[in-house]
Amino acid sequence: MIVFDLFCDQDHRFDGWFGSSTEYADQRVRGLLACPQCGSLAVDKAPMAPAVPVKGNRVANQTPRAGRALAGGKLPPEVTKAVEALAQAQYKALKDSTWVGDKFADQSRAMHYGEQDEKPIHGKASLKEAQALVDEGIEVAPLPLPVAPPDEVN
């Protein structure tokens, strides 16, 4: 996975996780990237230095951590603490949830209409799919932090 620092035309900054640079470019061209703060589709990559992370399989059951460097320095401690708390809350919420990948919209509908037992799930949905679910009265929410599919975690 590649993490890009992104920004919109309203100067909101956020992260985006992609399988490759090509995947980022494809999603941008198809209008699938939107600012989580204002919804703007005018999203670009911010200039950034490459980071070489520690392999994820070195520490078992490690929860997500914040504190990545930004252009001009590290995040302020209170922001790092807030993002770490958010990451920990998301980790706890997803701990008993099942990854359903691209089948998220279909499985959400099946549970909503009683065709499948209800259980916590998380996965991928396009902005259009998520809006269609909401329009049908199906409660869904975006995750505040990106999640790597289980088959893509080292």
C-alpha atoms as a PDB file:
ATOM      1  CA  MET A   1       0.000   0.000   0.000  1.00  0.00           C
ATOM      2  CA  ILE A   2       1.105   3.546  -0.734  1.00  0.00           C
ATOM      3  CA  VAL A   3      -0.031   6.451   1.433  1.00  0.00           C
ATOM      4  CA  PHE A   4      -0.281   9.794  -0.331  1.00  0.00           C
ATOM      5  CA  ASP A   5      -0.782  13.144   1.356  1.00  0.00           C
ATOM      6  CA  LEU A   6      -3.692  14.663  -0.548  1.00  0.00           C
ATOM      7  CA  PHE A   7      -5.320  18.085  -0.596  1.00  0.00           C
ATOM      8  CA  CYS A   8      -8.415  19.579  -2.184  1.00  0.00           C
ATOM      9  CA  ASP A   9      -9.044  22.936  -3.839  1.00  0.00           C
ATOM     10  CA  GLN A  10     -10.195  24.250  -0.422  1.00  0.00           C
ATOM     11  CA  ASP A  11      -6.740  23.416   1.037  1.00  0.00           C
ATOM     12  CA  HIS A  12      -8.017  20.583   3.256  1.00  0.00           C
ATOM     13  CA  ARG A  13      -5.278  17.969   3.781  1.00  0.00           C
ATOM     14  CA  PHE A  14      -5.919  14.252   4.230  1.00  0.00           C
ATOM     15  CA  ASP A  15      -4.330  10.856   3.548  1.00  0.00           C
ATOM     16  CA  GLY A  16      -5.233   8.402   0.817  1.00  0.00           C
ATOM     17  CA  TRP A  17      -4.132   4.768   0.706  1.00  0.00           C
ATOM     18  CA  PHE A  18      -3.662   3.149  -2.703  1.00  0.00           C
ATOM     19  CA  GLY A  19      -2.346  -0.106  -4.079  1.00  0.00           C
ATOM     20  CA  SER A  20      -0.114   1.799  -6.521  1.00  0.00           C
ATOM     21  CA  SER A  21       0.466   5.192  -8.132  1.00  0.00           C
ATOM     22  CA  THR A  22      -1.560   3.924 -11.079  1.00  0.00           C
ATOM     23  CA  GLU A  23      -4.508   3.141  -8.797  1.00  0.00           C
ATOM     24  CA  TYR A  24      -4.389   6.709  -7.453  1.00  0.00           C
ATOM     25  CA  ALA A  25      -4.338   8.153 -10.991  1.00  0.00           C
ATOM     26  CA  ASP A  26      -7.176   5.869 -12.110  1.00  0.00           C
ATOM     27  CA  GLN A  27      -9.380   6.816  -9.133  1.00  0.00           C
ATOM     28  CA  ARG A  28      -8.658  10.514  -9.699  1.00  0.00           C
ATOM     29  CA  VAL A  29      -9.588  10.342 -13.399  1.00  0.00           C
ATOM     30  CA  ARG A  30     -12.776   8.408 -12.592  1.00  0.00           C
ATOM     31  CA  GLY A  31     -13.834  11.035 -10.002  1.00  0.00           C
ATOM     32  CA  LEU A  32     -13.642   8.588  -7.096  1.00  0.00           C
ATOM     33  CA  LEU A  33     -11.481  10.797  -4.865  1.00  0.00           C
ATOM     34  CA  ALA A  34     -13.315  13.270  -2.664  1.00  0.00           C
ATOM     35  CA  CYS A  35     -12.238  15.448   0.246  1.00  0.00           C
ATOM     36  CA  PRO A  36     -13.625  13.916   3.463  1.00  0.00           C
ATOM     37  CA  GLN A  37     -14.109  17.392   4.936  1.00  0.00           C
ATOM     38  CA  CYS A  38     -15.913  19.271   2.144  1.00  0.00           C
ATOM     39  CA  GLY A  39     -16.614  16.639  -0.526  1.00  0.00           C
ATOM     40  CA  SER A  40     -14.647  18.454  -3.247  1.00  0.00           C
ATOM     41  CA  LEU A  41     -13.607  16.231  -6.150  1.00  0.00           C
ATOM     42  CA  ALA A  42     -10.675  18.535  -7.023  1.00  0.00           C
ATOM     43  CA  VAL A  43      -8.054  16.420  -5.214  1.00  0.00           C
ATOM     44  CA  ASP A  44      -4.279  16.376  -5.835  1.00  0.00           C
ATOM     45  CA  LYS A  45      -1.205  14.806  -4.250  1.00  0.00           C
ATOM     46  CA  ALA A  46       0.852  17.038  -1.974  1.00  0.00           C
ATOM     47  CA  PRO A  47       4.619  16.988  -2.455  1.00  0.00           C
ATOM     48  CA  MET A  48       6.127  14.551   0.015  1.00  0.00           C
ATOM     49  CA  ALA A  49       9.328  12.735   0.855  1.00  0.00           C
ATOM     50  CA  PRO A  50       9.309   8.938   0.689  1.00  0.00           C
ATOM     51  CA  ALA A  51       9.036   7.044   3.974  1.00  0.00           C
ATOM     52  CA  VAL A  52      10.345   3.547   4.562  1.00  0.00           C
ATOM     53  CA  PRO A  53       8.176   1.981   7.274  1.00  0.00           C
ATOM     54  CA  VAL A  54       9.146  -0.888   9.557  1.00  0.00           C
ATOM     55  CA  LYS A  55       7.733  -4.181   8.273  1.00  0.00           C
ATOM     56  CA  GLY A  56       4.263  -4.697   9.703  1.00  0.00           C
ATOM     57  CA  ASN A  57       4.920  -8.326  10.659  1.00  0.00           C
ATOM     58  CA  ARG A  58       7.608  -7.478  13.202  1.00  0.00           C
ATOM     59  CA  VAL A  59       5.143  -6.816  16.029  1.00  0.00           C
ATOM     60  CA  ALA A  60       2.148  -9.148  16.433  1.00  0.00           C
ATOM     61  CA  ASN A  61      -1.294  -7.586  16.971  1.00  0.00           C
ATOM     62  CA  GLN A  62       0.040  -4.051  16.731  1.00  0.00           C
ATOM     63  CA  THR A  63      -2.694  -1.415  16.710  1.00  0.00           C
ATOM     64  CA  PRO A  64      -2.454   1.545  14.308  1.00  0.00           C
ATOM     65  CA  ARG A  65      -0.246   4.448  15.347  1.00  0.00           C
ATOM     66  CA  ALA A  66      -0.159   8.067  14.278  1.00  0.00           C
ATOM     67  CA  GLY A  67       2.632  10.636  14.250  1.00  0.00           C
ATOM     68  CA  ARG A  68       3.884  10.531  10.694  1.00  0.00           C
ATOM     69  CA  ALA A  69       6.002  13.468   9.643  1.00  0.00           C
ATOM     70  CA  LEU A  70       4.407  16.331   7.734  1.00  0.00           C
ATOM     71  CA  ALA A  71       6.124  18.806   5.485  1.00  0.00           C
ATOM     72  CA  GLY A  72       7.777  21.204   7.890  1.00  0.00           C
ATOM     73  CA  GLY A  73       7.903  18.871  10.895  1.00  0.00           C
ATOM     74  CA  LYS A  74       5.943  16.419  13.016  1.00  0.00           C
ATOM     75  CA  LEU A  75       2.313  16.675  14.013  1.00  0.00           C
ATOM     76  CA  PRO A  76       1.709  18.630  17.218  1.00  0.00           C
ATOM     77  CA  PRO A  77       1.500  16.269  20.231  1.00  0.00           C
ATOM     78  CA  GLU A  78      -2.207  16.956  20.832  1.00  0.00           C
ATOM     79  CA  VAL A  79      -3.019  16.081  17.203  1.00  0.00           C
ATOM     80  CA  THR A  80      -0.918  12.925  17.405  1.00  0.00           C
ATOM     81  CA  LYS A  81      -2.740  11.947  20.608  1.00  0.00           C
ATOM     82  CA  ALA A  82      -6.163  12.578  19.009  1.00  0.00           C
ATOM     83  CA  VAL A  83      -5.300  10.570  15.874  1.00  0.00           C
ATOM     84  CA  GLU A  84      -3.922   7.728  18.015  1.00  0.00           C
ATOM     85  CA  ALA A  85      -7.170   7.700  20.025  1.00  0.00           C
ATOM     86  CA  LEU A  86      -9.175   7.649  16.790  1.00  0.00           C
ATOM     87  CA  ALA A  87      -7.026   4.818  15.406  1.00  0.00           C
ATOM     88  CA  GLN A  88      -7.477   2.842  18.636  1.00  0.00           C
ATOM     89  CA  ALA A  89     -11.269   3.376  18.572  1.00  0.00           C
ATOM     90  CA  GLN A  90     -11.449   2.249  14.933  1.00  0.00           C
ATOM     91  CA  TYR A  91      -9.284  -0.792  15.747  1.00  0.00           C
ATOM     92  CA  LYS A  92     -11.652  -1.796  18.566  1.00  0.00           C
ATOM     93  CA  ALA A  93     -14.725  -1.243  16.374  1.00  0.00           C
ATOM     94  CA  LEU A  94     -13.315  -3.407  13.576  1.00  0.00           C
ATOM     95  CA  LYS A  95     -11.867  -6.109  15.822  1.00  0.00           C
ATOM     96  CA  ASP A  96     -15.088  -8.181  15.658  1.00  0.00           C
ATOM     97  CA  SER A  97     -16.056  -6.999  12.175  1.00  0.00           C
ATOM     98  CA  THR A  98     -15.649  -9.072   9.008  1.00  0.00           C
ATOM     99  CA  TRP A  99     -13.841  -7.710   5.939  1.00  0.00           C
ATOM    100  CA  VAL A 100     -16.141  -8.190   2.908  1.00  0.00           C
ATOM    101  CA  GLY A 101     -14.105  -6.224   0.362  1.00  0.00           C
ATOM    102  CA  ASP A 102     -15.992  -5.071  -2.736  1.00  0.00           C
ATOM    103  CA  LYS A 103     -19.133  -6.916  -1.583  1.00  0.00           C
ATOM    104  CA  PHE A 104     -19.844  -4.303   1.098  1.00  0.00           C
ATOM    105  CA  ALA A 105     -22.842  -2.702  -0.638  1.00  0.00           C
ATOM    106  CA  ASP A 106     -24.414  -6.061  -1.561  1.00  0.00           C
ATOM    107  CA  GLN A 107     -23.982  -7.532   1.910  1.00  0.00           C
ATOM    108  CA  SER A 108     -25.246  -4.356   3.597  1.00  0.00           C
ATOM    109  CA  ARG A 109     -28.412  -4.551   1.485  1.00  0.00           C
ATOM    110  CA  ALA A 110     -28.853  -8.270   2.184  1.00  0.00           C
ATOM    111  CA  MET A 111     -28.683  -7.640   5.951  1.00  0.00           C
ATOM    112  CA  HIS A 112     -30.959  -4.591   5.736  1.00  0.00           C
ATOM    113  CA  TYR A 113     -33.641  -6.493   3.816  1.00  0.00           C
ATOM    114  CA  GLY A 114     -33.435  -9.602   6.047  1.00  0.00           C
ATOM    115  CA  GLU A 115     -31.832 -11.849   3.411  1.00  0.00           C
ATOM    116  CA  GLN A 116     -28.760 -12.398   5.594  1.00  0.00           C
ATOM    117  CA  ASP A 117     -28.127 -12.367   9.351  1.00  0.00           C
ATOM    118  CA  GLU A 118     -26.923  -9.016  10.635  1.00  0.00           C
ATOM    119  CA  LYS A 119     -23.299  -8.824  11.729  1.00  0.00           C
ATOM    120  CA  PRO A 120     -20.611  -6.128  11.790  1.00  0.00           C
ATOM    121  CA  ILE A 121     -18.888  -5.811   8.393  1.00  0.00           C
ATOM    122  CA  HIS A 122     -16.478  -3.437   6.715  1.00  0.00           C
ATOM    123  CA  GLY A 123     -15.212  -3.245   3.163  1.00  0.00           C
ATOM    124  CA  LYS A 124     -14.992  -1.093   0.055  1.00  0.00           C
ATOM    125  CA  ALA A 125     -17.742   0.990  -1.519  1.00  0.00           C
ATOM    126  CA  SER A 126     -17.533   3.773  -4.050  1.00  0.00           C
ATOM    127  CA  LEU A 127     -18.999   7.158  -3.187  1.00  0.00           C
ATOM    128  CA  LYS A 128     -21.902   6.361  -5.542  1.00  0.00           C
ATOM    129  CA  GLU A 129     -22.553   2.971  -3.876  1.00  0.00           C
ATOM    130  CA  ALA A 130     -22.429   4.508  -0.392  1.00  0.00           C
ATOM    131  CA  GLN A 131     -24.851   7.273  -1.404  1.00  0.00           C
ATOM    132  CA  ALA A 132     -27.248   4.676  -2.882  1.00  0.00           C
ATOM    133  CA  LEU A 133     -27.184   2.755   0.424  1.00  0.00           C
ATOM    134  CA  VAL A 134     -27.965   5.919   2.389  1.00  0.00           C
ATOM    135  CA  ASP A 135     -30.760   6.796  -0.066  1.00  0.00           C
ATOM    136  CA  GLU A 136     -32.286   3.341   0.613  1.00  0.00           C
ATOM    137  CA  GLY A 137     -32.245   4.028   4.360  1.00  0.00           C
ATOM    138  CA  ILE A 138     -29.324   1.696   5.059  1.00  0.00           C
ATOM    139  CA  GLU A 139     -27.070   3.044   7.785  1.00  0.00           C
ATOM    140  CA  VAL A 140     -23.421   3.107   6.736  1.00  0.00           C
ATOM    141  CA  ALA A 141     -20.502   5.265   7.781  1.00  0.00           C
ATOM    142  CA  PRO A 142     -17.065   5.878   6.294  1.00  0.00           C
ATOM    143  CA  LEU A 143     -14.118   4.801   8.377  1.00  0.00           C
ATOM    144  CA  PRO A 144     -12.085   7.784   9.589  1.00  0.00           C
ATOM    145  CA  LEU A 145      -8.765   6.050   8.827  1.00  0.00           C
ATOM    146  CA  PRO A 146      -7.833   3.830   5.872  1.00  0.00           C
ATOM    147  CA  VAL A 147      -7.936   0.062   6.336  1.00  0.00           C
ATOM    148  CA  ALA A 148      -5.718  -2.364   4.440  1.00  0.00           C
ATOM    149  CA  PRO A 149      -7.546  -5.485   3.212  1.00  0.00           C
ATOM    150  CA  PRO A 150      -6.350  -8.578   5.127  1.00  0.00           C
ATOM    151  CA  ASP A 151      -4.806 -10.117   1.998  1.00  0.00           C
ATOM    152  CA  GLU A 152      -2.689  -6.988   1.443  1.00  0.00           C
ATOM    153  CA  VAL A 153      -1.169  -6.757   4.933  1.00  0.00           C
ATOM    154  CA  ASN A 154       2.450  -7.949   5.168  1.00  0.00           C
END
